[in-house]
Amino acid sequence: MLERETITNKIHEYCRAENQKDKAAWLSLFSSDIRHEDPVGAPANEGLAKLSAFWDGFQPYDVELRMTAPLIVCANEAMAQFKARLGPADARKETGPIIVHFTFNEAGQIKGVRAFLEPF
């Protein structure tokens, strides 16, 4: 089982990389067999190639992600609550809460993401 600090650091790096538009750092957090649902109900991005294409697809929205509650960590899984700001500088929107379920492999890589959010 991973240390709580390992999981916490990975999720903070997930936010940092997204906010600083650091694609290489963001992708390095994930296992090669990642299953990424963002949002839940959309087709899952399975594998790093599809996750890379997902990254490219959301860059025009200029997403700023921030954690809004303490992480809940249990075994190799975590629940995080975020809010995001997105859109052009003169018309930024803020989302409601985004709840993300992360799962990690024994190497500390993210192997599963399920993001729950209301449409905005």
N, C-alpha and C. Protein backbone atom coordinates (compact mmCIF):
# COMPACT_ATOMS: atom_id res chain seq x y z
N MET A 1 0.85 -1.18 0.00
CA MET A 1 0.00 0.00 0.00
C MET A 1 0.89 1.25 0.00
N LEU A 2 0.48 2.24 -0.76
CA LEU A 2 1.24 3.49 -0.85
C LEU A 2 1.09 4.33 0.41
N GLU A 3 2.07 5.16 0.66
CA GLU A 3 1.99 6.12 1.75
C GLU A 3 1.01 7.24 1.37
N ARG A 4 0.30 7.75 2.36
CA ARG A 4 -0.63 8.86 2.12
C ARG A 4 0.08 10.03 1.45
N GLU A 5 1.30 10.32 1.90
CA GLU A 5 2.07 11.44 1.35
C GLU A 5 2.34 11.26 -0.15
N THR A 6 2.59 10.04 -0.58
CA THR A 6 2.83 9.78 -2.01
C THR A 6 1.61 10.14 -2.83
N ILE A 7 0.45 9.69 -2.39
CA ILE A 7 -0.79 9.98 -3.10
C ILE A 7 -1.09 11.47 -3.08
N THR A 8 -0.94 12.09 -1.93
CA THR A 8 -1.18 13.53 -1.80
C THR A 8 -0.27 14.31 -2.75
N ASN A 9 1.00 13.97 -2.77
CA ASN A 9 1.94 14.67 -3.65
C ASN A 9 1.57 14.51 -5.11
N LYS A 10 1.15 13.31 -5.50
CA LYS A 10 0.77 13.07 -6.90
C LYS A 10 -0.44 13.91 -7.30
N ILE A 11 -1.40 14.03 -6.42
CA ILE A 11 -2.60 14.81 -6.76
C ILE A 11 -2.28 16.30 -6.79
N HIS A 12 -1.42 16.77 -5.91
CA HIS A 12 -0.99 18.17 -5.98
C HIS A 12 -0.21 18.44 -7.27
N GLU A 13 0.61 17.48 -7.69
CA GLU A 13 1.35 17.62 -8.95
C GLU A 13 0.40 17.59 -10.14
N TYR A 14 -0.64 16.79 -10.07
CA TYR A 14 -1.68 16.76 -11.10
C TYR A 14 -2.26 18.16 -11.31
N CYS A 15 -2.57 18.85 -10.21
CA CYS A 15 -3.10 20.22 -10.29
C CYS A 15 -2.04 21.19 -10.81
N ARG A 16 -0.85 21.11 -10.28
CA ARG A 16 0.22 22.02 -10.70
C ARG A 16 0.48 21.90 -12.19
N ALA A 17 0.62 20.67 -12.66
CA ALA A 17 0.93 20.45 -14.07
C ALA A 17 -0.21 20.95 -14.96
N GLU A 18 -1.43 20.70 -14.54
CA GLU A 18 -2.56 21.18 -15.34
C GLU A 18 -2.58 22.71 -15.38
N ASN A 19 -2.41 23.34 -14.24
CA ASN A 19 -2.47 24.80 -14.18
C ASN A 19 -1.31 25.47 -14.91
N GLN A 20 -0.17 24.83 -14.93
CA GLN A 20 1.00 25.41 -15.61
C GLN A 20 1.15 24.90 -17.04
N LYS A 21 0.15 24.16 -17.50
CA LYS A 21 0.12 23.66 -18.89
C LYS A 21 1.36 22.82 -19.21
N ASP A 22 1.75 22.00 -18.23
CA ASP A 22 2.93 21.15 -18.34
C ASP A 22 2.49 19.73 -18.71
N LYS A 23 2.27 19.53 -19.98
CA LYS A 23 1.73 18.26 -20.48
C LYS A 23 2.62 17.08 -20.13
N ALA A 24 3.92 17.22 -20.32
CA ALA A 24 4.84 16.11 -20.05
C ALA A 24 4.77 15.69 -18.58
N ALA A 25 4.76 16.65 -17.68
CA ALA A 25 4.68 16.34 -16.25
C ALA A 25 3.34 15.69 -15.91
N TRP A 26 2.27 16.21 -16.50
CA TRP A 26 0.92 15.68 -16.24
C TRP A 26 0.84 14.23 -16.71
N LEU A 27 1.27 13.97 -17.95
CA LEU A 27 1.21 12.61 -18.48
C LEU A 27 2.10 11.64 -17.69
N SER A 28 3.20 12.13 -17.15
CA SER A 28 4.12 11.26 -16.41
C SER A 28 3.51 10.71 -15.12
N LEU A 29 2.41 11.27 -14.67
CA LEU A 29 1.75 10.82 -13.45
C LEU A 29 0.95 9.54 -13.65
N PHE A 30 0.67 9.19 -14.91
CA PHE A 30 -0.27 8.11 -15.21
C PHE A 30 0.44 6.83 -15.64
N SER A 31 -0.18 5.69 -15.33
CA SER A 31 0.32 4.40 -15.80
C SER A 31 -0.05 4.22 -17.28
N SER A 32 0.66 3.35 -17.94
CA SER A 32 0.41 3.13 -19.37
C SER A 32 -0.98 2.54 -19.62
N ASP A 33 -1.57 1.91 -18.61
CA ASP A 33 -2.90 1.32 -18.75
C ASP A 33 -3.99 2.18 -18.10
N ILE A 34 -3.77 3.48 -18.06
CA ILE A 34 -4.72 4.41 -17.46
C ILE A 34 -6.12 4.24 -18.05
N ARG A 35 -7.11 4.35 -17.18
CA ARG A 35 -8.52 4.45 -17.60
C ARG A 35 -9.03 5.74 -16.99
N HIS A 36 -9.34 6.70 -17.83
CA HIS A 36 -9.62 8.07 -17.43
C HIS A 36 -11.00 8.47 -17.95
N GLU A 37 -11.93 8.73 -17.02
CA GLU A 37 -13.29 9.16 -17.38
C GLU A 37 -13.49 10.58 -16.88
N ASP A 38 -13.55 11.53 -17.79
CA ASP A 38 -13.70 12.94 -17.40
C ASP A 38 -14.53 13.66 -18.46
N PRO A 39 -15.81 13.83 -18.14
CA PRO A 39 -16.54 13.42 -16.95
C PRO A 39 -17.04 11.98 -17.07
N VAL A 40 -17.49 11.44 -15.93
CA VAL A 40 -18.12 10.13 -15.92
C VAL A 40 -19.29 10.17 -16.91
N GLY A 41 -19.41 9.14 -17.72
CA GLY A 41 -20.45 9.09 -18.74
C GLY A 41 -19.91 9.38 -20.13
N ALA A 42 -18.80 10.11 -20.20
CA ALA A 42 -18.14 10.35 -21.50
C ALA A 42 -17.32 9.11 -21.84
N PRO A 43 -16.99 8.92 -23.10
CA PRO A 43 -16.12 7.79 -23.43
C PRO A 43 -14.81 7.87 -22.65
N ALA A 44 -14.39 6.74 -22.12
CA ALA A 44 -13.16 6.70 -21.32
C ALA A 44 -11.94 6.83 -22.22
N ASN A 45 -10.94 7.52 -21.72
CA ASN A 45 -9.63 7.60 -22.37
C ASN A 45 -8.81 6.44 -21.81
N GLU A 46 -8.53 5.45 -22.63
CA GLU A 46 -7.79 4.28 -22.18
C GLU A 46 -6.42 4.28 -22.83
N GLY A 47 -5.38 4.36 -21.99
CA GLY A 47 -4.00 4.41 -22.46
C GLY A 47 -3.50 5.84 -22.60
N LEU A 48 -2.19 5.96 -22.64
CA LEU A 48 -1.56 7.28 -22.66
C LEU A 48 -1.79 8.04 -23.96
N ALA A 49 -1.91 7.36 -25.08
CA ALA A 49 -2.15 8.07 -26.34
C ALA A 49 -3.50 8.78 -26.31
N LYS A 50 -4.52 8.09 -25.83
CA LYS A 50 -5.84 8.74 -25.75
C LYS A 50 -5.85 9.84 -24.69
N LEU A 51 -5.13 9.62 -23.60
CA LEU A 51 -5.06 10.65 -22.56
C LEU A 51 -4.33 11.89 -23.10
N SER A 52 -3.30 11.69 -23.89
CA SER A 52 -2.59 12.81 -24.51
C SER A 52 -3.52 13.60 -25.43
N ALA A 53 -4.34 12.91 -26.20
CA ALA A 53 -5.29 13.59 -27.08
C ALA A 53 -6.34 14.34 -26.27
N PHE A 54 -6.77 13.77 -25.14
CA PHE A 54 -7.70 14.45 -24.24
C PHE A 54 -7.09 15.77 -23.76
N TRP A 55 -5.82 15.72 -23.32
CA TRP A 55 -5.11 16.93 -22.88
C TRP A 55 -5.16 18.00 -23.96
N ASP A 56 -4.81 17.61 -25.18
CA ASP A 56 -4.80 18.58 -26.28
C ASP A 56 -6.18 19.18 -26.51
N GLY A 57 -7.21 18.37 -26.32
CA GLY A 57 -8.58 18.83 -26.54
C GLY A 57 -9.08 19.83 -25.54
N PHE A 58 -8.60 19.77 -24.28
CA PHE A 58 -9.12 20.73 -23.30
C PHE A 58 -8.24 21.97 -23.13
N GLN A 59 -7.09 22.04 -23.78
CA GLN A 59 -6.23 23.21 -23.65
C GLN A 59 -6.88 24.52 -24.09
N PRO A 60 -7.71 24.55 -25.14
CA PRO A 60 -8.34 25.81 -25.52
C PRO A 60 -9.22 26.42 -24.43
N TYR A 61 -9.63 25.62 -23.44
CA TYR A 61 -10.48 26.13 -22.35
C TYR A 61 -9.68 26.83 -21.25
N ASP A 62 -8.34 26.73 -21.30
CA ASP A 62 -7.46 27.40 -20.33
C ASP A 62 -7.91 27.12 -18.89
N VAL A 63 -8.00 25.85 -18.55
CA VAL A 63 -8.52 25.41 -17.24
C VAL A 63 -7.54 25.76 -16.13
N GLU A 64 -8.08 26.33 -15.05
CA GLU A 64 -7.36 26.53 -13.78
C GLU A 64 -8.07 25.67 -12.75
N LEU A 65 -7.37 24.71 -12.16
CA LEU A 65 -7.95 23.76 -11.23
C LEU A 65 -7.45 24.04 -9.82
N ARG A 66 -8.35 24.00 -8.85
CA ARG A 66 -7.92 24.16 -7.45
C ARG A 66 -8.69 23.22 -6.54
N MET A 67 -7.97 22.69 -5.57
CA MET A 67 -8.58 21.81 -4.59
C MET A 67 -9.36 22.65 -3.59
N THR A 68 -10.56 22.19 -3.23
CA THR A 68 -11.42 22.97 -2.35
C THR A 68 -11.73 22.27 -1.03
N ALA A 69 -11.18 21.08 -0.82
CA ALA A 69 -11.40 20.35 0.42
C ALA A 69 -10.21 19.42 0.63
N PRO A 70 -9.99 19.00 1.87
CA PRO A 70 -8.90 18.05 2.10
C PRO A 70 -9.13 16.75 1.34
N LEU A 71 -8.05 16.13 0.92
CA LEU A 71 -8.13 14.82 0.26
C LEU A 71 -8.61 13.76 1.24
N ILE A 72 -9.31 12.79 0.70
CA ILE A 72 -9.64 11.59 1.45
C ILE A 72 -8.83 10.47 0.81
N VAL A 73 -7.94 9.86 1.58
CA VAL A 73 -7.07 8.81 1.08
C VAL A 73 -7.38 7.53 1.83
N CYS A 74 -7.60 6.46 1.08
CA CYS A 74 -7.89 5.16 1.67
C CYS A 74 -7.22 4.10 0.80
N ALA A 75 -6.25 3.38 1.39
CA ALA A 75 -5.45 2.40 0.65
C ALA A 75 -4.80 3.10 -0.54
N ASN A 76 -4.92 2.56 -1.75
CA ASN A 76 -4.31 3.18 -2.94
C ASN A 76 -5.33 3.97 -3.73
N GLU A 77 -6.27 4.58 -3.05
CA GLU A 77 -7.31 5.37 -3.69
C GLU A 77 -7.48 6.69 -2.95
N ALA A 78 -8.03 7.67 -3.67
CA ALA A 78 -8.27 8.98 -3.07
C ALA A 78 -9.48 9.62 -3.72
N MET A 79 -10.14 10.45 -2.94
CA MET A 79 -11.23 11.30 -3.42
C MET A 79 -10.77 12.74 -3.21
N ALA A 80 -10.93 13.54 -4.26
CA ALA A 80 -10.53 14.94 -4.20
C ALA A 80 -11.69 15.80 -4.67
N GLN A 81 -11.81 16.97 -4.06
CA GLN A 81 -12.84 17.93 -4.49
C GLN A 81 -12.14 19.15 -5.06
N PHE A 82 -12.56 19.53 -6.26
CA PHE A 82 -11.97 20.66 -6.96
C PHE A 82 -13.07 21.62 -7.42
N LYS A 83 -12.62 22.79 -7.83
CA LYS A 83 -13.39 23.71 -8.66
C LYS A 83 -12.45 24.13 -9.78
N ALA A 84 -13.03 24.54 -10.88
CA ALA A 84 -12.21 24.98 -12.00
C ALA A 84 -12.74 26.29 -12.55
N ARG A 85 -11.82 27.09 -13.06
CA ARG A 85 -12.18 28.28 -13.84
C ARG A 85 -11.71 27.99 -15.25
N LEU A 86 -12.53 28.39 -16.22
CA LEU A 86 -12.17 28.11 -17.59
C LEU A 86 -12.79 29.12 -18.54
N GLY A 87 -12.23 29.16 -19.73
CA GLY A 87 -12.75 30.05 -20.76
C GLY A 87 -11.83 31.22 -21.01
N PRO A 88 -12.20 32.06 -21.98
CA PRO A 88 -11.37 33.21 -22.32
C PRO A 88 -11.31 34.22 -21.17
N ALA A 89 -10.25 35.01 -21.14
CA ALA A 89 -10.01 35.95 -20.04
C ALA A 89 -11.18 36.88 -19.78
N ASP A 90 -11.90 37.29 -20.82
CA ASP A 90 -13.00 38.23 -20.64
C ASP A 90 -14.33 37.55 -20.33
N ALA A 91 -14.34 36.22 -20.25
CA ALA A 91 -15.60 35.51 -19.99
C ALA A 91 -15.34 34.21 -19.23
N ARG A 92 -14.48 34.25 -18.21
CA ARG A 92 -14.16 33.04 -17.44
C ARG A 92 -15.38 32.57 -16.69
N LYS A 93 -15.55 31.27 -16.59
CA LYS A 93 -16.63 30.65 -15.83
C LYS A 93 -16.03 29.80 -14.73
N GLU A 94 -16.76 29.66 -13.64
CA GLU A 94 -16.33 28.77 -12.57
C GLU A 94 -17.32 27.62 -12.47
N THR A 95 -16.78 26.42 -12.37
CA THR A 95 -17.62 25.24 -12.25
C THR A 95 -18.13 25.10 -10.83
N GLY A 96 -19.12 24.26 -10.68
CA GLY A 96 -19.51 23.80 -9.36
C GLY A 96 -18.47 22.79 -8.89
N PRO A 97 -18.76 22.08 -7.82
CA PRO A 97 -17.77 21.12 -7.34
C PRO A 97 -17.52 20.01 -8.36
N ILE A 98 -16.27 19.59 -8.40
CA ILE A 98 -15.84 18.46 -9.20
C ILE A 98 -15.26 17.45 -8.21
N ILE A 99 -15.84 16.26 -8.18
CA ILE A 99 -15.35 15.21 -7.29
C ILE A 99 -14.62 14.20 -8.16
N VAL A 100 -13.36 13.92 -7.82
CA VAL A 100 -12.55 13.01 -8.62
C VAL A 100 -12.09 11.84 -7.77
N HIS A 101 -12.34 10.65 -8.29
CA HIS A 101 -11.87 9.41 -7.66
C HIS A 101 -10.61 8.96 -8.39
N PHE A 102 -9.51 8.88 -7.67
CA PHE A 102 -8.23 8.45 -8.22
C PHE A 102 -7.90 7.06 -7.68
N THR A 103 -7.35 6.19 -8.53
CA THR A 103 -6.76 4.94 -8.06
C THR A 103 -5.31 4.92 -8.53
N PHE A 104 -4.46 4.30 -7.72
CA PHE A 104 -3.02 4.27 -7.96
C PHE A 104 -2.51 2.83 -8.00
N ASN A 105 -1.50 2.59 -8.81
CA ASN A 105 -0.84 1.29 -8.79
C ASN A 105 0.24 1.29 -7.71
N GLU A 106 0.88 0.16 -7.52
CA GLU A 106 1.90 0.05 -6.47
C GLU A 106 3.13 0.91 -6.74
N ALA A 107 3.34 1.31 -7.99
CA ALA A 107 4.47 2.19 -8.34
C ALA A 107 4.15 3.66 -8.07
N GLY A 108 2.92 3.94 -7.65
CA GLY A 108 2.53 5.32 -7.36
C GLY A 108 2.02 6.07 -8.56
N GLN A 109 1.74 5.37 -9.64
CA GLN A 109 1.18 6.02 -10.83
C GLN A 109 -0.35 5.97 -10.78
N ILE A 110 -0.97 6.99 -11.34
CA ILE A 110 -2.43 7.02 -11.40
C ILE A 110 -2.87 6.01 -12.47
N LYS A 111 -3.73 5.07 -12.07
CA LYS A 111 -4.21 4.08 -13.04
C LYS A 111 -5.70 4.23 -13.33
N GLY A 112 -6.37 5.07 -12.56
CA GLY A 112 -7.79 5.31 -12.80
C GLY A 112 -8.20 6.69 -12.33
N VAL A 113 -9.02 7.34 -13.14
CA VAL A 113 -9.60 8.65 -12.80
C VAL A 113 -11.06 8.62 -13.21
N ARG A 114 -11.93 9.02 -12.29
CA ARG A 114 -13.35 9.19 -12.58
C ARG A 114 -13.76 10.55 -12.03
N ALA A 115 -14.10 11.47 -12.91
CA ALA A 115 -14.45 12.85 -12.51
C ALA A 115 -15.97 13.03 -12.58
N PHE A 116 -16.54 13.40 -11.46
CA PHE A 116 -17.98 13.64 -11.36
C PHE A 116 -18.21 15.14 -11.27
N LEU A 117 -19.01 15.66 -12.21
CA LEU A 117 -19.30 17.10 -12.19
C LEU A 117 -20.63 17.35 -12.89
N GLU A 118 -21.26 18.44 -12.48
CA GLU A 118 -22.49 18.88 -13.12
C GLU A 118 -22.13 19.59 -14.42
N PRO A 119 -22.97 19.50 -15.43
CA PRO A 119 -22.70 20.26 -16.65
C PRO A 119 -22.63 21.76 -16.35
N PHE A 120 -21.81 22.48 -17.09
CA PHE A 120 -21.69 23.93 -16.87
C PHE A 120 -21.85 24.66 -18.15
